[in-house]
Amino acid sequence: MLLGIDHIVIAGPDLDELRSAFEALGFNVVGGGRHPIGSYNTLIGLQDGAYIELLSFYEDSPKHYWWDAARSRGGGLIDFCMQTDDIRADYAVFEAQGVEMSPLVGLSRVRYDGFHLSWLNNEIYGQYQGMIPFIIEDETPREERVPKENKHRNGVAGIDAITLAAKDLGLARRIMSATLGVKGEAVRDDSLRASGVVFEVGAHRLEYLTPDDESSPLHEHITRNRPLPYRIRFKTSGAKQTVDPVEAGGARIEFA
């Protein structure tokens, strides 16, 4: 069963620039590490147990399944991962729903202090990437993977919702309803001129929205073939604001 968002992935061509941008937004950014598949990261822990992964590549990695999203498709908020208490059962549901993905694979990262982390997850491909979450099960303790530093000058405590641009709302609804065992609730966002369905999963919400017409910002997002995660909304005790994507590595961020 899916328990909530494990982490979101924000990618760009320069990891140092991403780190500087999020520090300027009031986040406490800590060291991450290197993956043996060409990527590396820094991390932002949140009090709700989720975290933000700021990711780039230390070498050209065209076979990496995020390479295209991070480079030719514009980067920014490119993907999200969900915690599960039974990765094989949730994987089987995705498989039965026809999701294009890898087998469950063992991956690893050498943390900035030399600690070797390992876990099991799947990779989501094609039209499903960024729309359907990838899922993760830790082999080393999860608390070693998640940053312990989780307090920030901007007052952000956790994730409220992730908004996803649904090219095919019926497809997204069918897959997530089957996985979560609920139909979801109808939702409308007048500011985006879009409507869809929202699922509550643990402390978080997944909003799948499709544009009303060509006047919707989501229509432009989809037409430009940007990664399907559109916006992340954080819970904060600080000032409410909408961040200019230029200031957040291309990611659309709201503090609510």
Protein backbone atom coordinates (compact mmCIF):
# COMPACT_ATOMS: atom_id res chain seq x y z
CA MET A 1 0.00 0.00 0.00
CA LEU A 2 1.23 3.50 -0.82
CA LEU A 3 1.81 5.53 2.36
CA GLY A 4 2.64 9.02 1.08
CA ILE A 5 5.26 10.92 -0.88
CA ASP A 6 8.78 9.69 -0.16
CA HIS A 7 10.50 12.46 -2.10
CA ILE A 8 10.21 14.74 -5.11
CA VAL A 9 12.93 15.19 -7.73
CA ILE A 10 13.98 18.63 -8.99
CA ALA A 11 16.67 18.43 -11.66
CA GLY A 12 18.87 20.87 -13.53
CA PRO A 13 22.15 21.11 -15.43
CA ASP A 14 24.19 22.45 -12.50
CA LEU A 15 23.86 21.00 -8.99
CA ASP A 16 25.69 23.90 -7.31
CA GLU A 17 23.27 26.38 -8.90
CA LEU A 18 20.29 24.33 -7.71
CA ARG A 19 21.67 24.23 -4.19
CA SER A 20 22.28 27.99 -4.15
CA ALA A 21 18.79 28.70 -5.47
CA PHE A 22 17.07 26.67 -2.77
CA GLU A 23 19.27 28.05 -0.02
CA ALA A 24 18.23 31.52 -1.20
CA LEU A 25 14.59 30.42 -0.85
CA GLY A 26 15.20 29.65 2.82
CA PHE A 27 15.77 25.90 2.69
CA ASN A 28 18.44 24.05 4.66
CA VAL A 29 20.19 22.03 1.94
CA VAL A 30 22.48 19.17 3.00
CA GLY A 31 24.90 16.88 1.21
CA GLY A 32 23.55 13.93 -0.73
CA GLY A 33 25.94 11.77 -2.69
CA ARG A 34 26.72 10.05 -5.97
CA HIS A 35 24.87 7.28 -7.73
CA PRO A 36 26.97 4.88 -9.84
CA ILE A 37 24.69 5.64 -12.82
CA GLY A 38 26.02 9.15 -13.45
CA SER A 39 23.80 11.32 -11.24
CA TYR A 40 24.41 13.07 -7.93
CA ASN A 41 22.32 15.10 -5.53
CA THR A 42 21.85 17.31 -2.54
CA LEU A 43 18.84 16.97 -0.25
CA ILE A 44 16.27 18.96 1.72
CA GLY A 45 14.61 17.13 4.61
CA LEU A 46 11.04 17.93 5.69
CA GLN A 47 9.33 17.46 9.04
CA ASP A 48 6.60 15.27 7.53
CA GLY A 49 9.23 12.64 6.65
CA ALA A 50 9.41 13.44 2.94
CA TYR A 51 12.33 15.22 1.28
CA ILE A 52 13.38 17.12 -1.83
CA GLU A 53 16.07 15.67 -4.04
CA LEU A 54 18.02 18.25 -6.04
CA LEU A 55 19.64 16.26 -8.85
CA SER A 56 22.06 16.73 -11.72
CA PHE A 57 24.65 14.65 -13.59
CA TYR A 58 28.37 14.53 -12.98
CA GLU A 59 28.90 12.85 -16.36
CA ASP A 60 26.92 12.45 -19.56
CA SER A 61 24.37 9.69 -18.94
CA PRO A 62 22.01 9.47 -21.93
CA LYS A 63 20.83 6.00 -20.84
CA HIS A 64 19.68 7.30 -17.45
CA TYR A 65 15.88 7.39 -17.40
CA TRP A 66 15.87 11.00 -16.11
CA TRP A 67 18.43 12.30 -18.58
CA ASP A 68 15.87 13.38 -21.16
CA ALA A 69 13.54 15.00 -18.60
CA ALA A 70 16.40 16.89 -16.96
CA ARG A 71 18.04 18.03 -20.18
CA SER A 72 16.02 18.21 -23.41
CA ARG A 73 12.62 18.50 -21.64
CA GLY A 74 13.60 21.44 -19.48
CA GLY A 75 14.24 20.01 -16.01
CA GLY A 76 12.60 21.53 -12.94
CA LEU A 77 10.17 19.30 -11.07
CA ILE A 78 10.58 16.07 -13.03
CA ASP A 79 9.38 13.13 -10.90
CA PHE A 80 8.15 11.90 -7.54
CA CYS A 81 8.53 8.78 -5.43
CA MET A 82 6.10 7.24 -2.96
CA GLN A 83 6.69 5.14 0.13
CA THR A 84 5.15 1.69 0.22
CA ASP A 85 4.77 -0.98 2.87
CA ASP A 86 4.68 -3.73 0.21
CA ILE A 87 6.65 -2.82 -2.91
CA ARG A 88 5.97 -6.08 -4.70
CA ALA A 89 2.21 -5.84 -4.24
CA ASP A 90 2.10 -2.23 -5.48
CA TYR A 91 4.40 -3.11 -8.37
CA ALA A 92 2.02 -5.93 -9.32
CA VAL A 93 -0.90 -3.48 -9.43
CA PHE A 94 1.04 -1.11 -11.70
CA GLU A 95 1.97 -4.07 -13.89
CA ALA A 96 -1.66 -5.22 -14.11
CA GLN A 97 -2.66 -1.69 -15.15
CA GLY A 98 -0.17 -1.74 -18.02
CA VAL A 99 2.32 0.80 -16.65
CA GLU A 100 5.53 0.81 -18.70
CA MET A 101 8.37 0.32 -16.22
CA SER A 102 11.52 -1.56 -15.35
CA PRO A 103 11.64 -4.64 -13.15
CA LEU A 104 12.34 -3.88 -9.50
CA VAL A 105 16.03 -2.99 -9.42
CA GLY A 106 18.60 -2.59 -6.67
CA LEU A 107 20.19 0.87 -6.64
CA SER A 108 22.67 2.61 -4.37
CA ARG A 109 24.24 5.91 -3.44
CA VAL A 110 27.42 6.72 -1.54
CA ARG A 111 26.42 9.41 0.95
CA TYR A 112 28.58 12.54 1.31
CA ASP A 113 30.13 11.07 4.49
CA GLY A 114 30.96 7.75 2.82
CA PHE A 115 27.97 5.74 4.11
CA HIS A 116 26.74 3.30 1.44
CA LEU A 117 22.95 3.40 0.97
CA SER A 118 20.98 0.78 -0.95
CA TRP A 119 17.36 0.31 -1.88
CA LEU A 120 14.95 -1.34 -4.30
CA ASN A 121 12.80 0.64 -6.71
CA ASN A 122 11.29 0.62 -10.18
CA GLU A 123 11.80 3.07 -13.04
CA ILE A 124 8.76 4.49 -14.84
CA TYR A 125 8.96 4.96 -18.61
CA GLY A 126 7.19 6.53 -21.57
CA GLN A 127 3.88 8.33 -21.12
CA TYR A 128 3.73 7.21 -17.48
CA GLN A 129 6.97 8.87 -16.33
CA GLY A 130 6.24 11.74 -13.97
CA MET A 131 2.53 10.86 -13.90
CA ILE A 132 2.69 7.55 -12.02
CA PRO A 133 5.06 7.56 -9.03
CA PHE A 134 8.00 5.27 -8.81
CA ILE A 135 8.10 3.34 -5.53
CA ILE A 136 10.91 2.50 -3.15
CA GLU A 137 11.84 0.00 -0.45
CA ASP A 138 15.01 0.52 1.59
CA GLU A 139 17.60 -2.17 2.16
CA THR A 140 19.64 0.05 4.47
CA PRO A 141 17.54 1.90 7.09
CA ARG A 142 15.36 4.64 5.61
CA GLU A 143 16.45 7.05 8.34
CA GLU A 144 19.96 6.89 6.87
CA ARG A 145 18.64 7.98 3.45
CA VAL A 146 16.40 10.82 4.67
CA PRO A 147 18.09 14.04 5.87
CA LYS A 148 17.79 14.56 9.62
CA GLU A 149 18.08 18.34 9.23
CA ASN A 150 14.46 19.35 8.53
CA LYS A 151 13.93 22.89 9.82
CA HIS A 152 14.08 25.83 7.43
CA ARG A 153 14.19 29.63 7.60
CA ASN A 154 11.14 29.83 5.33
CA GLY A 155 9.01 27.83 7.79
CA VAL A 156 8.32 24.96 5.38
CA ALA A 157 7.36 21.84 7.34
CA GLY A 158 6.13 19.43 4.67
CA ILE A 159 4.37 18.77 1.39
CA ASP A 160 0.72 19.66 0.96
CA ALA A 161 0.13 18.61 -2.66
CA ILE A 162 1.79 17.83 -5.94
CA THR A 163 -0.09 18.90 -9.07
CA LEU A 164 0.34 16.71 -12.14
CA ALA A 165 -0.50 17.70 -15.72
CA ALA A 166 -2.65 14.84 -16.98
CA LYS A 167 -2.55 14.28 -20.72
CA ASP A 168 -5.03 11.43 -20.18
CA LEU A 169 -7.02 12.01 -16.99
CA GLY A 170 -8.94 8.74 -17.37
CA LEU A 171 -5.70 6.77 -17.52
CA ALA A 172 -4.23 8.45 -14.44
CA ARG A 173 -7.47 8.01 -12.50
CA ARG A 174 -7.74 4.32 -13.41
CA ILE A 175 -4.18 3.46 -12.39
CA MET A 176 -4.13 5.42 -9.14
CA SER A 177 -7.63 4.27 -8.14
CA ALA A 178 -6.56 0.65 -8.60
CA THR A 179 -3.36 1.22 -6.61
CA LEU A 180 -4.92 3.18 -3.74
CA GLY A 181 -8.28 1.39 -3.62
CA VAL A 182 -10.24 4.68 -3.76
CA LYS A 183 -11.85 6.63 -6.58
CA GLY A 184 -10.49 10.02 -5.57
CA GLU A 185 -12.45 13.26 -5.37
CA ALA A 186 -13.28 15.74 -8.11
CA VAL A 187 -11.16 18.89 -7.94
CA ARG A 188 -11.07 22.17 -9.84
CA ASP A 189 -8.37 24.85 -10.03
CA ASP A 190 -9.74 28.06 -11.55
CA SER A 191 -6.30 29.68 -11.55
CA LEU A 192 -5.08 26.98 -13.94
CA ARG A 193 -8.41 26.69 -15.76
CA ALA A 194 -8.25 22.97 -15.18
CA SER A 195 -10.13 20.19 -13.42
CA GLY A 196 -9.50 16.61 -12.46
CA VAL A 197 -9.21 14.28 -9.50
CA VAL A 198 -7.36 14.43 -6.18
CA PHE A 199 -6.16 11.51 -4.08
CA GLU A 200 -5.23 11.85 -0.40
CA VAL A 201 -2.34 9.56 0.50
CA GLY A 202 -1.14 9.83 4.07
CA ALA A 203 -0.31 13.48 4.77
CA HIS A 204 -0.15 14.37 1.08
CA ARG A 205 -2.41 15.02 -1.88
CA LEU A 206 -1.93 14.07 -5.52
CA GLU A 207 -3.82 16.41 -7.87
CA TYR A 208 -4.25 15.16 -11.44
CA LEU A 209 -5.51 18.05 -13.57
CA THR A 210 -6.32 18.35 -17.25
CA PRO A 211 -6.70 21.74 -19.00
CA ASP A 212 -10.15 23.07 -19.92
CA ASP A 213 -8.86 24.43 -23.22
CA GLU A 214 -5.82 26.05 -24.84
CA SER A 215 -5.99 29.05 -22.49
CA SER A 216 -4.87 26.89 -19.54
CA PRO A 217 -1.20 27.06 -18.48
CA LEU A 218 -1.35 23.28 -18.29
CA HIS A 219 -2.07 23.13 -22.01
CA GLU A 220 1.17 24.98 -22.78
CA HIS A 221 3.05 22.79 -20.30
CA ILE A 222 1.83 19.61 -21.98
CA THR A 223 2.27 20.97 -25.52
CA ARG A 224 5.90 21.86 -24.78
CA ASN A 225 6.47 18.25 -23.63
CA ARG A 226 7.57 19.32 -20.17
CA PRO A 227 7.80 16.70 -17.40
CA LEU A 228 4.29 15.98 -16.10
CA PRO A 229 4.73 17.09 -12.46
CA TYR A 230 3.60 20.71 -12.73
CA ARG A 231 3.67 22.24 -9.24
CA ILE A 232 4.58 21.45 -5.66
CA ARG A 233 2.78 23.12 -2.77
CA PHE A 234 4.46 23.18 0.65
CA LYS A 235 2.94 23.70 4.09
CA THR A 236 4.64 26.58 5.86
CA SER A 237 4.37 28.57 9.05
CA GLY A 238 6.10 31.42 7.23
CA ALA A 239 4.94 33.82 4.55
CA LYS A 240 2.63 32.48 1.86
CA GLN A 241 4.03 33.03 -1.61
CA THR A 242 4.31 31.74 -5.15
CA VAL A 243 7.91 31.37 -6.23
CA ASP A 244 9.02 32.41 -9.71
CA PRO A 245 10.30 29.22 -11.42
CA VAL A 246 13.41 31.15 -12.48
CA GLU A 247 14.32 31.34 -8.78
CA ALA A 248 13.69 27.63 -8.16
CA GLY A 249 15.59 25.83 -10.89
CA GLY A 250 12.53 25.79 -13.13
CA ALA A 251 10.23 24.25 -10.52
CA ARG A 252 6.82 25.80 -9.78
CA ILE A 253 6.58 26.16 -6.01
CA GLU A 254 3.96 27.53 -3.66
CA PHE A 255 4.27 28.12 0.09
CA ALA A 256 0.75 27.78 1.52
